[in-house]
Amino acid sequence: MQTATRRFRAVDALLIILMLLPLLCGIVIKILFVPPGEGMDISGAAVFFTIPLPIQSMPITESQVNSWLVMLFVTGFCLYMTHGIRAGVKTRRQHLAEWIVEKTDGLVKDNMGEYFAGFSPLIGAVLALSACSSLLTLLGLFPPTSDLNIVGGWALLVFCLITYYKMKCGPVHYLKSFAEPVALLTPMNVISEIATPVSMAFRHFGNVLSGVVISTILGAALTGLTTTLLGWLPGFLGDIPFLKVGIPAVLSLYFDLFSGCLQAFIFAMLTMLYVASAFPMEDYFQRRELKKKTQKQSTK
């Protein structure tokens, strides 16, 4: 029994290390390979190196590396939360894991319906990846959600899902939907279709980036104000940015913590609503029933 307990705790410790190691690696990479900016720097993600390709070279940026680190962190967290779960044995960790799953399932069922119950893992992954990416600013790392390429890729995947479910009744039905409710609105419907992933990407990107920019501008302003008001202090005291202590931390509760989690929730909600509203459920089931009837008649 003691041997099993020690083995369980050892695996737990290994999973915690696996969960925290990517974040530590991100901090080390930031220190070693990202040169410190002089003054106010909002230039975006640093480019580590470039891979030459036939059509266009592919830069490997800070946002790409941090995205992989976030995915490794989320994977380690999931492994830790599910380690040791057994039927009939309730632990605090199991209660928390079940609460997360139940809330995600309820969110999907309330907004998408029973037919889309299988979307829970996708929505949970979107929430975790988006929220954790935005919260990297708490560690001084570049948040991938403030890179339009990253969020644009997510929006493009959602757009593919929307198109897939719109075409469940066939390409002809999909094309006819652009002429609803009247054919004169076809150009507007086409523009609306294209604008969906664009609006999703720019909404998420703009809100996260604005928080980063405002925090950076505020930090630079407080540094200059400290020098103006307290620069007369003798010795090294005149170089300490006293006004940067406390004020940015309070604003960080909104821009980094609340706003980051809120934008993750909004992106997940838009994903659910766009996919569910794109699916012509009644037409799909009518079409399927008609196919079943024709198959039965053909077999008789």
Protein backbone atom coordinates (compact mmCIF):
# COMPACT_ATOMS: atom_id res chain seq x y z
CA MET A 1 0.00 0.00 0.00
CA GLN A 2 2.79 2.41 0.90
CA THR A 3 4.65 1.49 -2.27
CA ALA A 4 1.57 2.25 -4.38
CA THR A 5 1.10 5.58 -2.59
CA ARG A 6 4.72 6.55 -3.18
CA ARG A 7 4.43 5.58 -6.82
CA PHE A 8 1.24 7.63 -7.15
CA ARG A 9 2.88 10.70 -5.57
CA ALA A 10 5.97 10.28 -7.75
CA VAL A 11 3.82 10.25 -10.89
CA ASP A 12 1.94 13.29 -9.56
CA ALA A 13 5.21 15.15 -9.05
CA LEU A 14 6.37 14.17 -12.54
CA LEU A 15 3.12 15.47 -14.07
CA ILE A 16 3.42 18.77 -12.16
CA ILE A 17 6.95 19.16 -13.50
CA LEU A 18 5.69 18.32 -16.99
CA MET A 19 3.01 21.00 -16.56
CA LEU A 20 5.32 23.76 -15.28
CA LEU A 21 8.38 22.98 -17.39
CA PRO A 22 7.02 24.59 -20.60
CA LEU A 23 6.36 27.86 -18.74
CA LEU A 24 9.86 27.80 -17.29
CA CYS A 25 11.29 27.12 -20.75
CA GLY A 26 9.33 30.07 -22.11
CA ILE A 27 10.86 32.38 -19.49
CA VAL A 28 14.36 31.06 -20.23
CA ILE A 29 13.86 31.51 -23.99
CA LYS A 30 12.60 35.05 -23.38
CA ILE A 31 15.70 35.91 -21.32
CA LEU A 32 18.24 34.29 -23.67
CA PHE A 33 16.92 35.04 -27.14
CA VAL A 34 14.66 38.11 -26.93
CA PRO A 35 16.73 41.30 -26.61
CA PRO A 36 15.36 43.73 -24.02
CA GLY A 37 13.71 46.74 -25.60
CA GLU A 38 14.80 50.26 -24.83
CA GLY A 39 11.92 52.36 -23.58
CA MET A 40 8.43 51.56 -24.86
CA ASP A 41 8.36 48.54 -27.16
CA ILE A 42 5.16 47.34 -28.89
CA SER A 43 6.83 45.86 -31.97
CA GLY A 44 5.13 42.49 -31.60
CA ALA A 45 6.48 38.95 -31.48
CA ALA A 46 10.22 38.45 -31.87
CA VAL A 47 11.44 36.34 -34.81
CA PHE A 48 13.84 33.61 -33.65
CA PHE A 49 14.85 32.23 -37.06
CA THR A 50 13.50 31.72 -40.58
CA ILE A 51 13.04 28.47 -42.47
CA PRO A 52 13.65 28.92 -46.23
CA LEU A 53 10.86 27.47 -48.38
CA PRO A 54 10.32 27.45 -52.19
CA ILE A 55 7.45 29.96 -52.26
CA GLN A 56 8.00 32.01 -49.13
CA SER A 57 10.25 31.69 -46.11
CA MET A 58 8.52 30.74 -42.85
CA PRO A 59 9.56 32.73 -39.77
CA ILE A 60 9.49 30.99 -36.40
CA THR A 61 8.26 33.64 -34.02
CA GLU A 62 7.79 34.08 -30.30
CA SER A 63 4.04 33.64 -30.66
CA GLN A 64 4.43 30.23 -32.36
CA VAL A 65 6.83 28.96 -29.71
CA ASN A 66 4.63 30.22 -26.89
CA SER A 67 1.59 28.57 -28.48
CA TRP A 68 3.34 25.20 -28.36
CA LEU A 69 4.39 25.85 -24.75
CA VAL A 70 0.77 26.61 -23.83
CA MET A 71 -0.38 23.39 -25.52
CA LEU A 72 2.20 21.41 -23.55
CA PHE A 73 1.07 23.12 -20.35
CA VAL A 74 -2.60 22.30 -21.03
CA THR A 75 -1.66 18.68 -21.86
CA GLY A 76 0.26 18.36 -18.59
CA PHE A 77 -2.65 19.89 -16.68
CA CYS A 78 -5.12 17.42 -18.22
CA LEU A 79 -2.86 14.48 -17.42
CA TYR A 80 -2.48 15.67 -13.84
CA MET A 81 -6.23 16.20 -13.36
CA THR A 82 -7.12 12.77 -14.75
CA HIS A 83 -4.37 10.86 -12.96
CA GLY A 84 -5.80 8.39 -10.46
CA ILE A 85 -9.46 8.93 -11.34
CA ARG A 86 -11.45 5.82 -10.45
CA ALA A 87 -15.14 5.02 -10.27
CA GLY A 88 -16.53 5.16 -6.74
CA VAL A 89 -13.56 7.08 -5.32
CA LYS A 90 -14.11 10.83 -4.97
CA THR A 91 -11.17 13.15 -4.43
CA ARG A 92 -10.93 16.93 -4.60
CA ARG A 93 -9.06 16.65 -7.87
CA GLN A 94 -11.73 14.38 -9.31
CA HIS A 95 -14.48 16.75 -8.15
CA LEU A 96 -12.72 19.64 -9.91
CA ALA A 97 -12.20 17.62 -13.10
CA GLU A 98 -15.84 16.51 -13.14
CA TRP A 99 -16.98 20.10 -12.50
CA ILE A 100 -14.97 21.35 -15.50
CA VAL A 101 -16.38 18.60 -17.74
CA GLU A 102 -19.96 19.15 -16.54
CA LYS A 103 -19.79 22.92 -17.02
CA THR A 104 -18.33 22.52 -20.52
CA ASP A 105 -20.97 19.93 -21.46
CA GLY A 106 -23.70 22.19 -20.12
CA LEU A 107 -22.35 25.18 -22.01
CA VAL A 108 -22.32 23.23 -25.27
CA LYS A 109 -25.79 21.72 -24.79
CA ASP A 110 -27.34 25.07 -23.81
CA ASN A 111 -25.92 26.90 -26.83
CA MET A 112 -25.74 24.18 -29.49
CA GLY A 113 -28.23 21.47 -28.53
CA GLU A 114 -27.95 17.73 -27.95
CA TYR A 115 -26.87 17.04 -31.52
CA PHE A 116 -23.57 18.87 -30.92
CA ALA A 117 -22.80 17.25 -27.55
CA GLY A 118 -19.58 15.88 -29.04
CA PHE A 119 -18.25 19.41 -29.41
CA SER A 120 -17.42 19.63 -25.68
CA PRO A 121 -13.72 18.63 -26.08
CA LEU A 122 -13.25 21.20 -28.87
CA ILE A 123 -14.89 24.02 -26.90
CA GLY A 124 -12.92 23.07 -23.79
CA ALA A 125 -9.70 23.13 -25.81
CA VAL A 126 -10.58 26.55 -27.28
CA LEU A 127 -11.28 27.98 -23.82
CA ALA A 128 -8.11 26.55 -22.29
CA LEU A 129 -5.81 27.47 -25.17
CA SER A 130 -7.15 31.00 -25.54
CA ALA A 131 -7.26 31.81 -21.82
CA CYS A 132 -3.81 30.37 -21.07
CA SER A 133 -2.30 32.13 -24.09
CA SER A 134 -3.62 35.50 -22.92
CA LEU A 135 -2.54 34.86 -19.31
CA LEU A 136 1.10 34.42 -20.38
CA THR A 137 1.46 38.18 -19.89
CA LEU A 138 1.35 37.53 -16.13
CA LEU A 139 4.72 35.77 -16.56
CA GLY A 140 6.14 38.52 -18.77
CA LEU A 141 5.82 36.39 -21.91
CA PHE A 142 4.38 37.42 -25.26
CA PRO A 143 0.72 36.31 -25.50
CA PRO A 144 0.03 34.42 -28.77
CA THR A 145 -3.50 35.86 -28.81
CA SER A 146 -2.02 39.30 -29.56
CA ASP A 147 -0.66 37.91 -32.86
CA LEU A 148 -3.21 38.14 -35.68
CA ASN A 149 -1.68 35.11 -37.44
CA ILE A 150 -2.43 32.84 -34.47
CA VAL A 151 -5.98 34.02 -33.85
CA GLY A 152 -6.62 34.16 -37.60
CA GLY A 153 -5.69 30.47 -37.82
CA TRP A 154 -8.21 29.64 -35.10
CA ALA A 155 -10.91 31.66 -36.88
CA LEU A 156 -10.10 29.89 -40.15
CA LEU A 157 -10.61 26.50 -38.51
CA VAL A 158 -13.96 27.68 -37.14
CA PHE A 159 -14.90 28.90 -40.62
CA CYS A 160 -14.13 25.44 -42.03
CA LEU A 161 -16.43 23.91 -39.41
CA ILE A 162 -19.18 26.40 -40.25
CA THR A 163 -18.89 25.61 -43.97
CA TYR A 164 -18.85 21.86 -43.29
CA TYR A 165 -22.11 21.97 -41.36
CA LYS A 166 -23.70 24.33 -43.86
CA MET A 167 -22.97 21.77 -46.57
CA LYS A 168 -24.52 18.86 -44.63
CA CYS A 169 -27.51 19.04 -46.98
CA GLY A 170 -25.33 19.17 -50.07
CA PRO A 171 -23.57 21.90 -52.05
CA VAL A 172 -26.75 22.92 -53.89
CA HIS A 173 -28.55 23.63 -50.61
CA TYR A 174 -25.49 25.56 -49.42
CA LEU A 175 -25.42 27.76 -52.52
CA LYS A 176 -29.16 28.37 -52.31
CA SER A 177 -28.75 29.70 -48.76
CA PHE A 178 -26.92 32.75 -50.15
CA ALA A 179 -30.11 33.79 -51.96
CA GLU A 180 -32.24 33.78 -48.79
CA PRO A 181 -34.57 35.45 -48.01
CA VAL A 182 -34.43 37.15 -51.43
CA ALA A 183 -31.97 36.84 -54.31
CA LEU A 184 -31.12 40.56 -54.14
CA LEU A 185 -29.32 39.97 -50.85
CA THR A 186 -26.89 37.42 -52.35
CA PRO A 187 -23.91 39.85 -52.48
CA MET A 188 -24.52 40.86 -48.86
CA ASN A 189 -24.76 37.22 -47.77
CA VAL A 190 -21.47 36.40 -49.50
CA ILE A 191 -19.77 39.35 -47.78
CA SER A 192 -21.27 38.27 -44.46
CA GLU A 193 -19.90 34.75 -44.97
CA ILE A 194 -16.38 36.05 -45.57
CA ALA A 195 -16.63 38.57 -42.74
CA THR A 196 -17.33 35.87 -40.13
CA PRO A 197 -13.75 34.60 -39.64
CA VAL A 198 -12.34 38.12 -40.15
CA SER A 199 -14.52 39.58 -37.39
CA MET A 200 -13.74 36.68 -35.03
CA ALA A 201 -10.00 37.06 -35.54
CA PHE A 202 -9.87 40.85 -35.28
CA ARG A 203 -12.17 40.95 -32.22
CA HIS A 204 -10.00 38.58 -30.21
CA PHE A 205 -6.71 39.97 -31.50
CA GLY A 206 -7.72 43.61 -31.03
CA ASN A 207 -8.95 43.23 -27.46
CA VAL A 208 -5.87 41.35 -26.26
CA LEU A 209 -3.44 43.58 -28.15
CA SER A 210 -5.09 46.75 -26.84
CA GLY A 211 -4.53 45.55 -23.28
CA VAL A 212 -0.84 44.88 -24.01
CA VAL A 213 -0.41 48.29 -25.65
CA ILE A 214 -2.20 50.18 -22.87
CA SER A 215 -0.17 48.38 -20.18
CA THR A 216 3.07 49.15 -22.04
CA ILE A 217 2.19 52.82 -22.54
CA LEU A 218 1.14 53.13 -18.91
CA GLY A 219 4.38 51.56 -17.70
CA ALA A 220 6.47 53.92 -19.84
CA ALA A 221 4.42 56.93 -18.67
CA LEU A 222 4.80 56.00 -15.00
CA THR A 223 8.55 55.55 -15.45
CA GLY A 224 8.85 59.04 -16.97
CA LEU A 225 6.60 60.54 -14.29
CA THR A 226 8.70 58.95 -11.56
CA THR A 227 11.87 60.44 -13.06
CA THR A 228 10.22 63.88 -13.29
CA LEU A 229 8.82 63.92 -9.74
CA LEU A 230 11.36 61.86 -7.81
CA GLY A 231 14.50 62.12 -9.92
CA TRP A 232 15.99 64.52 -7.38
CA LEU A 233 16.40 61.72 -4.80
CA PRO A 234 20.08 60.98 -4.05
CA GLY A 235 21.95 58.00 -5.46
CA PHE A 236 20.17 54.94 -6.77
CA LEU A 237 16.86 56.05 -5.23
CA GLY A 238 16.37 58.46 -8.12
CA ASP A 239 16.50 55.57 -10.60
CA ILE A 240 13.82 53.42 -8.91
CA PRO A 241 10.42 53.69 -10.70
CA PHE A 242 8.35 53.99 -7.53
CA LEU A 243 5.13 54.85 -9.37
CA LYS A 244 5.30 51.59 -11.35
CA VAL A 245 4.80 49.64 -8.12
CA GLY A 246 1.16 48.71 -7.54
CA ILE A 247 -0.66 50.71 -10.24
CA PRO A 248 0.17 48.40 -13.21
CA ALA A 249 -0.63 45.37 -11.05
CA VAL A 250 -4.16 46.65 -10.38
CA LEU A 251 -4.77 47.31 -14.08
CA SER A 252 -3.29 43.91 -14.90
CA LEU A 253 -6.19 42.30 -13.03
CA TYR A 254 -8.45 43.63 -15.79
CA PHE A 255 -6.29 43.69 -18.95
CA ASP A 256 -4.46 40.40 -18.33
CA LEU A 257 -6.74 38.32 -16.11
CA PHE A 258 -10.37 39.37 -16.60
CA SER A 259 -10.14 40.53 -20.22
CA GLY A 260 -8.08 37.50 -21.29
CA CYS A 261 -10.58 35.03 -19.81
CA LEU A 262 -13.50 37.07 -21.14
CA GLN A 263 -12.16 37.04 -24.71
CA ALA A 264 -11.61 33.28 -24.49
CA PHE A 265 -15.24 32.85 -23.42
CA ILE A 266 -16.49 35.15 -26.20
CA PHE A 267 -14.48 33.29 -28.87
CA ALA A 268 -15.84 29.95 -27.64
CA MET A 269 -19.40 31.32 -27.56
CA LEU A 270 -19.10 32.66 -31.11
CA THR A 271 -17.74 29.29 -32.25
CA MET A 272 -20.72 27.48 -30.78
CA LEU A 273 -23.33 29.94 -32.03
CA TYR A 274 -21.92 30.22 -35.57
CA VAL A 275 -21.61 26.43 -36.02
CA ALA A 276 -25.01 25.65 -34.50
CA SER A 277 -26.82 28.36 -36.48
CA ALA A 278 -25.12 27.28 -39.72
CA PHE A 279 -26.45 23.73 -39.51
CA PRO A 280 -29.84 23.33 -41.30
CA MET A 281 -31.01 20.69 -38.86
CA GLU A 282 -34.62 20.33 -40.02
CA ASP A 283 -33.64 20.10 -43.69
CA TYR A 284 -30.87 17.63 -42.84
CA PHE A 285 -33.15 15.22 -40.95
CA GLN A 286 -35.87 15.52 -43.59
CA ARG A 287 -33.30 14.73 -46.26
CA ARG A 288 -32.03 11.75 -44.26
CA GLU A 289 -35.54 10.36 -43.70
CA LEU A 290 -36.27 10.74 -47.41
CA LYS A 291 -33.12 8.78 -48.24
CA LYS A 292 -34.15 6.00 -45.85
CA LYS A 293 -37.61 5.77 -47.45
CA THR A 294 -36.20 5.63 -50.97
CA GLN A 295 -33.71 2.94 -49.91
CA LYS A 296 -36.50 0.83 -48.37
CA GLN A 297 -38.63 1.19 -51.48
CA SER A 298 -35.72 0.23 -53.73
CA THR A 299 -35.01 -2.91 -51.71
CA LYS A 300 -38.65 -4.11 -51.93
